[in-house]
Amino acid sequence: MAVYAVSAVVCCAVAARTSAHFADLQVYRMGGAAVLHDGSRLYQVRLGGLPFTYPPFAAVVFTGLAAVPWRVAVTLLTGASMLALPAALYLVLRLPGPSRMPAAGPAWTLALAVATVAIWLEPARATLGYGQVDILLTAAVLFDLSLPDTARGKGLLIGLAAGLKLTPAIFAVYLLITGRQRAAATATGVFAGTVAAGFAAIPASSAWFWAGRFAAPGHVSPVQDPQNQSLAGALARVMHTADILPAWLPLAAVVAVAGLSLAAAASRRGDEALGFGLCAVTGLLISPISWIHHWVIVIPALLIAGLTAARAYRAGNVATAVLITAAITVSAAIGWIELAGETPRSGWLALPAWVLVRSACYVLIGLAVLVAGAWSQVRSALSRAAPGTAGQRRTALPSPHSHPKLEA
């Protein structure tokens, strides 16, 4: 715990000195202050050139950050994020599947050890530097998934997270297609409640946002910004145009169906941790805007990948272990490769080939994860269909959705 605390404090100090300057926290407070004023001009106010781009409910929640002094807001959000990272890693270790650690003590020990290093990964550093809430949302989604399906409140935190930022809504779809209709209905109902709360507090701004503006990525930022690590951003840079809708829509649909199908299949096999990771990657790829700090949600999946590599090595599958370890290493190194100074004067739509590849690094890794997941599914199917295996009785796995309530 002490080692993680030292690492986290040093990382936060480094992140605070970057050019991010807690810009998103300032936008949160600006949105909260707009609601406290009258809320009618929530989406017209600017912090420099930065607009408030989140759902109206988020602005209502952020009134709490606007009501306290700046240093208090920074301390509260940064401290909460520091605590949420090891909590998220602990929770992913408690999800059903081959990587599940049944004992709480060893799970916390491993989570803290991994968090000591993981907090230095680019998505985590960016989250801390910008003053974002993405680590908190990651922990909320994982806590929700860790609840037994008999829990009345399962789905509640996913609905709330979607009310703050729309991207976690994909986990409500994940709950639905994995047969957890009640949890999916809870998530949907809670999200609808956040929309209603926004209309009750700031009706004019809510009407403007939900009339369709939320679906226009241009109100957030130019989609071609290299910090946008989504399919849409990569396509815009590769095609050298922001007019990508005809190409992006069918591609995003294919990725959504494939990714969610793979996630659901993993869940049905009893591997909830893998299902979470595949769902998270799918959501990041298909979202029109996926900033680098949004990718913090896949850090718990990197831990699961590391444990998978260790199991493969112990089983004698050295090639698989080396391949997974190499993929984790590449993912960890990405954040230290800067694009600064390499954007041509003509802008982000005219990046040279080498910079284009680097500007799509997260997207390429995300697609590779889905391809690897699909290949694993094919190999598993071929293995089951191989001569001598058909008709054999297998020891039944416990239902992935009927595990007893996990201890804290």
Protein backbone atom coordinates (compact mmCIF):
# COMPACT_ATOMS: atom_id res chain seq x y z
CA MET A 1 0.00 0.00 0.00
CA ALA A 2 2.78 2.43 0.91
CA VAL A 3 4.68 1.69 -2.31
CA TYR A 4 1.57 2.34 -4.38
CA ALA A 5 0.86 5.56 -2.46
CA VAL A 6 4.36 6.88 -3.21
CA SER A 7 4.13 5.92 -6.88
CA ALA A 8 0.65 7.47 -7.19
CA VAL A 9 1.63 10.73 -5.49
CA VAL A 10 4.71 11.13 -7.70
CA CYS A 11 2.67 10.32 -10.82
CA CYS A 12 0.01 12.85 -9.84
CA ALA A 13 2.69 15.49 -9.27
CA VAL A 14 4.15 14.79 -12.73
CA ALA A 15 0.70 14.80 -14.35
CA ALA A 16 -0.15 18.12 -12.68
CA ARG A 17 2.85 19.74 -14.36
CA THR A 18 1.89 18.70 -17.88
CA SER A 19 0.19 20.95 -20.40
CA ALA A 20 -3.17 19.38 -19.47
CA HIS A 21 -3.48 21.72 -16.45
CA PHE A 22 -6.62 19.94 -15.18
CA ALA A 23 -8.46 21.41 -18.17
CA ASP A 24 -11.36 18.97 -18.01
CA LEU A 25 -11.85 19.53 -14.31
CA GLN A 26 -12.11 23.23 -15.09
CA VAL A 27 -14.76 22.40 -17.72
CA TYR A 28 -16.63 20.28 -15.16
CA ARG A 29 -16.65 23.20 -12.74
CA MET A 30 -17.70 25.57 -15.51
CA GLY A 31 -20.68 23.31 -16.29
CA GLY A 32 -21.61 23.05 -12.63
CA ALA A 33 -21.36 26.84 -12.23
CA ALA A 34 -23.62 27.29 -15.28
CA VAL A 35 -26.27 25.11 -13.64
CA LEU A 36 -25.96 27.04 -10.39
CA HIS A 37 -26.48 30.27 -12.36
CA ASP A 38 -29.58 29.21 -14.31
CA GLY A 39 -28.41 26.47 -16.68
CA SER A 40 -29.99 27.93 -19.79
CA ARG A 41 -26.65 28.57 -21.51
CA LEU A 42 -24.82 25.42 -20.43
CA TYR A 43 -23.70 24.53 -23.95
CA GLN A 44 -22.88 28.09 -24.98
CA VAL A 45 -20.38 28.95 -22.23
CA ARG A 46 -16.69 28.42 -22.94
CA LEU A 47 -13.53 27.94 -20.95
CA GLY A 48 -11.10 29.49 -23.39
CA GLY A 49 -12.22 27.57 -26.46
CA LEU A 50 -13.45 24.51 -24.55
CA PRO A 51 -17.23 23.88 -24.39
CA PHE A 52 -19.12 21.68 -21.95
CA THR A 53 -19.83 18.50 -23.94
CA TYR A 54 -21.27 16.07 -21.38
CA PRO A 55 -24.92 15.17 -20.74
CA PRO A 56 -26.96 17.68 -18.71
CA PHE A 57 -27.08 15.31 -15.73
CA ALA A 58 -23.27 15.49 -15.54
CA ALA A 59 -23.46 19.26 -15.16
CA VAL A 60 -25.95 18.83 -12.32
CA VAL A 61 -23.57 16.41 -10.56
CA PHE A 62 -20.61 18.73 -11.16
CA THR A 63 -22.29 21.52 -9.20
CA GLY A 64 -20.61 19.84 -6.24
CA LEU A 65 -17.19 20.49 -7.77
CA ALA A 66 -18.15 24.06 -8.62
CA ALA A 67 -19.28 24.77 -5.06
CA VAL A 68 -15.89 24.05 -3.46
CA PRO A 69 -12.58 25.92 -3.83
CA TRP A 70 -10.35 24.94 -6.75
CA ARG A 71 -7.68 23.23 -4.66
CA VAL A 72 -10.32 21.21 -2.83
CA ALA A 73 -11.84 20.05 -6.13
CA VAL A 74 -8.42 19.01 -7.47
CA THR A 75 -7.57 17.16 -4.28
CA LEU A 76 -10.93 15.37 -4.09
CA LEU A 77 -10.98 14.19 -7.71
CA THR A 78 -7.29 13.25 -7.82
CA GLY A 79 -7.48 11.40 -4.51
CA ALA A 80 -10.61 9.53 -5.57
CA SER A 81 -8.95 8.50 -8.84
CA MET A 82 -5.86 7.27 -6.99
CA LEU A 83 -8.04 5.05 -4.82
CA ALA A 84 -10.22 3.89 -7.72
CA LEU A 85 -7.38 2.47 -9.84
CA PRO A 86 -6.34 -0.37 -7.49
CA ALA A 87 -10.02 -0.89 -6.66
CA ALA A 88 -10.77 -1.45 -10.37
CA LEU A 89 -7.86 -3.90 -10.65
CA TYR A 90 -9.08 -5.74 -7.55
CA LEU A 91 -12.62 -5.96 -8.93
CA VAL A 92 -11.50 -7.39 -12.28
CA LEU A 93 -9.60 -10.08 -10.36
CA ARG A 94 -12.84 -11.07 -8.60
CA LEU A 95 -14.88 -11.51 -11.79
CA PRO A 96 -15.68 -15.11 -12.75
CA GLY A 97 -13.20 -16.74 -15.08
CA PRO A 98 -9.80 -18.43 -15.24
CA SER A 99 -8.09 -15.37 -13.71
CA ARG A 100 -10.41 -15.04 -10.74
CA MET A 101 -8.68 -14.86 -7.36
CA PRO A 102 -11.11 -16.22 -4.76
CA ALA A 103 -9.28 -14.78 -1.75
CA ALA A 104 -9.57 -11.05 -1.13
CA GLY A 105 -6.13 -10.62 0.47
CA PRO A 106 -4.00 -11.88 -2.43
CA ALA A 107 -6.25 -10.05 -4.90
CA TRP A 108 -5.67 -6.73 -3.11
CA THR A 109 -1.93 -7.39 -2.92
CA LEU A 110 -1.69 -8.06 -6.66
CA ALA A 111 -3.99 -5.14 -7.49
CA LEU A 112 -1.84 -2.70 -5.51
CA ALA A 113 1.37 -4.07 -7.01
CA VAL A 114 0.07 -3.73 -10.57
CA ALA A 115 -1.45 -0.30 -9.86
CA THR A 116 1.99 0.93 -8.75
CA VAL A 117 3.13 0.53 -12.36
CA ALA A 118 -0.20 0.92 -14.18
CA ILE A 119 -0.78 4.45 -12.91
CA TRP A 120 2.13 5.52 -15.13
CA LEU A 121 0.46 4.26 -18.31
CA GLU A 122 -0.61 7.05 -20.63
CA PRO A 123 -4.40 6.70 -20.21
CA ALA A 124 -4.06 6.90 -16.42
CA ARG A 125 -1.60 9.81 -16.55
CA ALA A 126 -3.86 11.65 -18.97
CA THR A 127 -6.89 11.06 -16.74
CA LEU A 128 -5.03 12.53 -13.77
CA GLY A 129 -3.50 15.42 -15.72
CA TYR A 130 -6.79 16.53 -17.28
CA GLY A 131 -8.75 15.98 -14.09
CA GLN A 132 -11.04 13.43 -15.70
CA VAL A 133 -13.45 10.95 -14.08
CA ASP A 134 -12.65 7.94 -16.28
CA ILE A 135 -10.92 5.88 -13.57
CA LEU A 136 -13.94 6.37 -11.32
CA LEU A 137 -16.29 5.24 -14.10
CA THR A 138 -14.12 2.18 -14.75
CA ALA A 139 -14.34 1.15 -11.10
CA ALA A 140 -18.11 1.78 -11.11
CA VAL A 141 -18.68 -0.48 -14.14
CA LEU A 142 -16.52 -3.25 -12.68
CA PHE A 143 -18.26 -3.05 -9.31
CA ASP A 144 -21.60 -3.41 -11.08
CA LEU A 145 -20.41 -6.44 -13.07
CA SER A 146 -18.99 -8.04 -9.92
CA LEU A 147 -22.41 -8.11 -8.25
CA PRO A 148 -24.36 -11.38 -8.45
CA ASP A 149 -27.23 -11.28 -10.91
CA THR A 150 -29.65 -11.72 -8.02
CA ALA A 151 -28.60 -8.34 -6.62
CA ARG A 152 -31.42 -5.83 -6.96
CA GLY A 153 -29.04 -2.96 -7.68
CA LYS A 154 -27.07 -4.62 -10.47
CA GLY A 155 -27.04 -2.22 -13.42
CA LEU A 156 -27.52 0.89 -11.31
CA LEU A 157 -23.92 2.11 -11.50
CA ILE A 158 -23.70 1.39 -15.22
CA GLY A 159 -26.80 3.56 -15.74
CA LEU A 160 -25.33 6.35 -13.63
CA ALA A 161 -22.00 6.14 -15.46
CA ALA A 162 -23.82 6.42 -18.79
CA GLY A 163 -25.63 9.47 -17.43
CA LEU A 164 -22.29 11.17 -16.79
CA LYS A 165 -20.67 10.04 -20.04
CA LEU A 166 -22.49 8.18 -22.76
CA THR A 167 -19.79 5.61 -23.57
CA PRO A 168 -20.44 3.24 -20.59
CA ALA A 169 -23.93 2.63 -22.02
CA ILE A 170 -22.47 -0.24 -24.08
CA PHE A 171 -22.31 -2.28 -20.88
CA ALA A 172 -26.11 -2.12 -20.61
CA VAL A 173 -26.21 -3.76 -24.06
CA TYR A 174 -23.65 -6.31 -22.81
CA LEU A 175 -25.88 -7.16 -19.86
CA LEU A 176 -28.85 -7.59 -22.18
CA ILE A 177 -27.18 -9.91 -24.70
CA THR A 178 -25.73 -12.06 -21.92
CA GLY A 179 -29.20 -12.79 -20.59
CA ARG A 180 -29.22 -10.43 -17.61
CA GLN A 181 -32.41 -8.64 -18.57
CA ARG A 182 -33.23 -7.31 -15.13
CA ALA A 183 -29.79 -5.71 -14.73
CA ALA A 184 -30.02 -4.30 -18.26
CA ALA A 185 -33.47 -2.89 -17.48
CA THR A 186 -32.11 -1.36 -14.27
CA ALA A 187 -29.24 0.28 -16.14
CA THR A 188 -31.64 1.60 -18.80
CA GLY A 189 -34.09 2.84 -16.21
CA VAL A 190 -31.42 4.62 -14.18
CA PHE A 191 -30.03 6.22 -17.33
CA ALA A 192 -33.55 7.40 -18.23
CA GLY A 193 -33.76 8.81 -14.73
CA THR A 194 -30.59 10.83 -15.28
CA VAL A 195 -32.09 12.26 -18.46
CA ALA A 196 -35.26 13.18 -16.56
CA ALA A 197 -33.19 14.77 -13.79
CA GLY A 198 -31.39 16.88 -16.37
CA PHE A 199 -34.69 18.08 -17.83
CA ALA A 200 -35.99 18.90 -14.37
CA ALA A 201 -32.92 20.96 -13.47
CA ILE A 202 -32.06 22.62 -16.80
CA PRO A 203 -34.89 21.99 -19.31
CA ALA A 204 -33.71 24.30 -22.09
CA SER A 205 -30.16 22.95 -22.21
CA SER A 206 -31.43 19.38 -21.92
CA ALA A 207 -33.81 19.86 -24.84
CA TRP A 208 -30.96 21.28 -26.95
CA PHE A 209 -28.58 18.44 -26.07
CA TRP A 210 -31.00 15.53 -26.53
CA ALA A 211 -32.52 16.98 -29.71
CA GLY A 212 -29.56 15.43 -31.54
CA ARG A 213 -26.54 17.50 -30.61
CA PHE A 214 -25.18 14.65 -28.48
CA ALA A 215 -24.78 12.55 -31.66
CA ALA A 216 -22.66 15.17 -33.46
CA PRO A 217 -18.98 14.55 -32.59
CA GLY A 218 -18.04 17.95 -33.98
CA HIS A 219 -19.50 19.62 -30.89
CA VAL A 220 -16.77 17.89 -28.87
CA SER A 221 -13.74 18.40 -31.11
CA PRO A 222 -12.60 17.83 -34.71
CA VAL A 223 -12.84 14.08 -35.17
CA GLN A 224 -9.41 14.00 -36.85
CA ASP A 225 -7.58 15.11 -33.69
CA PRO A 226 -4.78 12.52 -33.11
CA GLN A 227 -5.83 12.35 -29.45
CA ASN A 228 -9.07 10.79 -30.71
CA GLN A 229 -8.23 7.08 -30.67
CA SER A 230 -11.42 5.72 -32.20
CA LEU A 231 -12.24 4.18 -35.57
CA ALA A 232 -13.76 7.49 -36.64
CA GLY A 233 -10.62 9.44 -35.76
CA ALA A 234 -8.29 6.95 -37.44
CA LEU A 235 -10.45 6.87 -40.59
CA ALA A 236 -10.50 10.67 -40.83
CA ARG A 237 -6.72 10.87 -40.62
CA VAL A 238 -6.14 7.98 -43.05
CA MET A 239 -8.72 9.22 -45.58
CA HIS A 240 -7.54 12.84 -45.16
CA THR A 241 -11.09 14.08 -44.70
CA ALA A 242 -13.52 14.66 -41.86
CA ASP A 243 -16.38 13.47 -44.11
CA ILE A 244 -16.17 9.81 -43.08
CA LEU A 245 -19.78 8.94 -42.27
CA PRO A 246 -20.34 6.62 -45.31
CA ALA A 247 -17.21 4.63 -44.48
CA TRP A 248 -17.43 4.79 -40.71
CA LEU A 249 -21.04 3.71 -40.14
CA PRO A 250 -20.82 0.23 -41.74
CA LEU A 251 -17.36 -0.39 -40.27
CA ALA A 252 -18.50 0.64 -36.80
CA ALA A 253 -21.58 -1.59 -37.13
CA VAL A 254 -19.44 -4.60 -38.06
CA VAL A 255 -17.02 -3.97 -35.18
CA ALA A 256 -19.92 -3.47 -32.74
CA VAL A 257 -21.61 -6.75 -33.70
CA ALA A 258 -18.34 -8.69 -33.76
CA GLY A 259 -16.99 -7.24 -30.51
CA LEU A 260 -20.21 -7.65 -28.55
CA SER A 261 -20.66 -11.18 -29.90
CA LEU A 262 -17.16 -12.11 -28.75
CA ALA A 263 -17.78 -10.51 -25.35
CA ALA A 264 -21.07 -12.39 -24.95
CA ALA A 265 -19.43 -15.67 -25.96
CA ALA A 266 -16.68 -15.15 -23.37
CA SER A 267 -19.31 -14.47 -20.71
CA ARG A 268 -21.23 -17.62 -21.64
CA ARG A 269 -18.00 -19.62 -21.25
CA GLY A 270 -17.75 -18.27 -17.71
CA ASP A 271 -15.01 -15.72 -18.40
CA GLU A 272 -16.60 -12.46 -17.26
CA ALA A 273 -13.24 -10.67 -17.08
CA LEU A 274 -12.58 -11.35 -20.77
CA GLY A 275 -16.14 -10.32 -21.61
CA PHE A 276 -15.60 -7.02 -19.81
CA GLY A 277 -12.34 -6.37 -21.68
CA LEU A 278 -13.78 -7.16 -25.11
CA CYS A 279 -16.85 -5.02 -24.44
CA ALA A 280 -14.69 -2.11 -23.26
CA VAL A 281 -12.47 -2.26 -26.35
CA THR A 282 -15.51 -2.47 -28.63
CA GLY A 283 -17.08 0.59 -27.03
CA LEU A 284 -13.89 2.61 -27.42
CA LEU A 285 -13.51 1.65 -31.08
CA ILE A 286 -17.06 2.44 -32.18
CA SER A 287 -17.48 5.67 -30.22
CA PRO A 288 -17.05 8.70 -32.51
CA ILE A 289 -14.72 10.26 -29.92
CA SER A 290 -12.46 8.15 -27.71
CA TRP A 291 -9.81 10.31 -26.12
CA ILE A 292 -6.65 8.67 -24.83
CA HIS A 293 -7.85 9.01 -21.23
CA HIS A 294 -10.98 7.02 -22.15
CA TRP A 295 -8.70 4.03 -22.76
CA VAL A 296 -8.00 3.81 -19.03
CA ILE A 297 -10.91 1.36 -18.90
CA VAL A 298 -8.78 -1.31 -20.60
CA ILE A 299 -6.00 -1.18 -17.98
CA PRO A 300 -7.76 -3.89 -15.91
CA ALA A 301 -7.89 -6.00 -19.08
CA LEU A 302 -4.09 -5.69 -19.37
CA LEU A 303 -3.83 -7.27 -15.92
CA ILE A 304 -5.99 -10.17 -17.07
CA ALA A 305 -3.81 -10.50 -20.19
CA GLY A 306 -0.73 -10.69 -17.98
CA LEU A 307 -2.26 -13.48 -15.89
CA THR A 308 -3.20 -15.29 -19.12
CA ALA A 309 0.42 -15.09 -20.27
CA ALA A 310 1.58 -16.50 -16.94
CA ARG A 311 -0.86 -19.42 -17.21
CA ALA A 312 0.27 -20.12 -20.76
CA TYR A 313 3.89 -20.17 -19.67
CA ARG A 314 3.20 -22.55 -16.79
CA ALA A 315 1.29 -24.81 -19.19
CA GLY A 316 4.33 -24.94 -21.48
CA ASN A 317 2.84 -22.73 -24.20
CA VAL A 318 5.85 -20.42 -24.35
CA ALA A 319 4.98 -18.95 -27.75
CA THR A 320 1.59 -17.73 -26.53
CA ALA A 321 3.11 -16.35 -23.33
CA VAL A 322 5.77 -14.44 -25.27
CA LEU A 323 3.22 -13.08 -27.74
CA ILE A 324 0.89 -11.78 -25.02
CA THR A 325 3.79 -10.32 -23.05
CA ALA A 326 5.05 -8.54 -26.17
CA ALA A 327 1.57 -7.10 -26.78
CA ILE A 328 1.39 -5.79 -23.20
CA THR A 329 4.86 -4.26 -23.54
CA VAL A 330 3.93 -2.48 -26.76
CA SER A 331 0.72 -1.19 -25.18
CA ALA A 332 2.63 0.15 -22.18
CA ALA A 333 5.27 1.84 -24.34
CA ILE A 334 2.83 3.72 -26.55
CA GLY A 335 2.33 6.60 -24.15
CA TRP A 336 5.98 7.55 -24.26
CA ILE A 337 5.98 8.07 -28.05
CA GLU A 338 5.06 11.70 -28.60
CA LEU A 339 3.55 13.19 -31.75
CA ALA A 340 4.46 16.75 -30.78
CA GLY A 341 6.18 18.70 -33.51
CA GLU A 342 5.24 16.24 -36.26
CA THR A 343 1.88 17.69 -37.27
CA PRO A 344 2.31 19.51 -40.59
CA ARG A 345 1.14 23.07 -41.04
CA SER A 346 -1.70 21.82 -43.20
CA GLY A 347 -3.13 20.09 -40.12
CA TRP A 348 -4.20 16.69 -38.85
CA LEU A 349 -5.67 15.62 -42.19
CA ALA A 350 -2.23 15.69 -43.84
CA LEU A 351 -0.14 13.53 -41.52
CA PRO A 352 2.76 11.64 -43.14
CA ALA A 353 2.54 7.84 -43.28
CA TRP A 354 4.71 7.04 -40.23
CA VAL A 355 2.89 9.54 -38.06
CA LEU A 356 -0.43 8.19 -39.36
CA VAL A 357 0.43 4.75 -38.04
CA ARG A 358 1.46 6.15 -34.68
CA SER A 359 -1.68 8.28 -34.52
CA ALA A 360 -3.80 5.13 -34.77
CA CYS A 361 -1.83 3.00 -32.30
CA TYR A 362 -4.64 2.46 -29.80
CA VAL A 363 -7.10 1.68 -32.58
CA LEU A 364 -4.75 -0.86 -34.14
CA ILE A 365 -4.20 -2.58 -30.80
CA GLY A 366 -7.94 -2.61 -30.12
CA LEU A 367 -8.65 -4.23 -33.50
CA ALA A 368 -5.86 -6.74 -32.88
CA VAL A 369 -7.51 -7.67 -29.57
CA LEU A 370 -10.80 -8.39 -31.34
CA VAL A 371 -9.02 -10.42 -34.03
CA ALA A 372 -7.21 -12.42 -31.34
CA GLY A 373 -10.50 -12.99 -29.55
CA ALA A 374 -12.11 -14.22 -32.77
CA TRP A 375 -9.19 -16.54 -33.50
CA SER A 376 -9.40 -17.96 -29.99
CA GLN A 377 -13.10 -18.64 -30.55
CA VAL A 378 -12.36 -20.43 -33.83
CA ARG A 379 -9.63 -22.56 -32.25
CA SER A 380 -11.95 -23.48 -29.40
CA ALA A 381 -14.70 -24.48 -31.83
CA LEU A 382 -12.28 -26.57 -33.93
CA SER A 383 -11.00 -28.26 -30.78
CA ARG A 384 -14.50 -29.21 -29.71
CA ALA A 385 -15.26 -30.55 -33.18
CA ALA A 386 -12.04 -32.58 -33.43
CA PRO A 387 -12.36 -36.40 -33.69
CA GLY A 388 -12.49 -38.05 -30.30
CA THR A 389 -13.86 -35.02 -28.51
CA ALA A 390 -17.43 -34.97 -29.74
CA GLY A 391 -19.89 -36.43 -27.34
CA GLN A 392 -17.43 -36.57 -24.46
CA ARG A 393 -18.84 -35.50 -21.16
CA ARG A 394 -17.24 -32.37 -19.75
CA THR A 395 -17.29 -31.14 -16.21
CA ALA A 396 -19.89 -28.41 -16.17
CA LEU A 397 -18.64 -24.96 -15.37
CA PRO A 398 -20.60 -23.05 -12.75
CA SER A 399 -22.87 -20.45 -14.23
CA PRO A 400 -20.92 -17.21 -14.74
CA HIS A 401 -23.89 -15.25 -13.47
CA SER A 402 -24.80 -17.23 -10.37
CA HIS A 403 -21.71 -16.78 -8.24
CA PRO A 404 -22.31 -15.86 -4.58
CA LYS A 405 -21.95 -12.29 -3.52
CA LEU A 406 -18.28 -11.38 -3.44
CA GLU A 407 -16.77 -10.26 -0.17
CA ALA A 408 -15.39 -6.76 -0.02
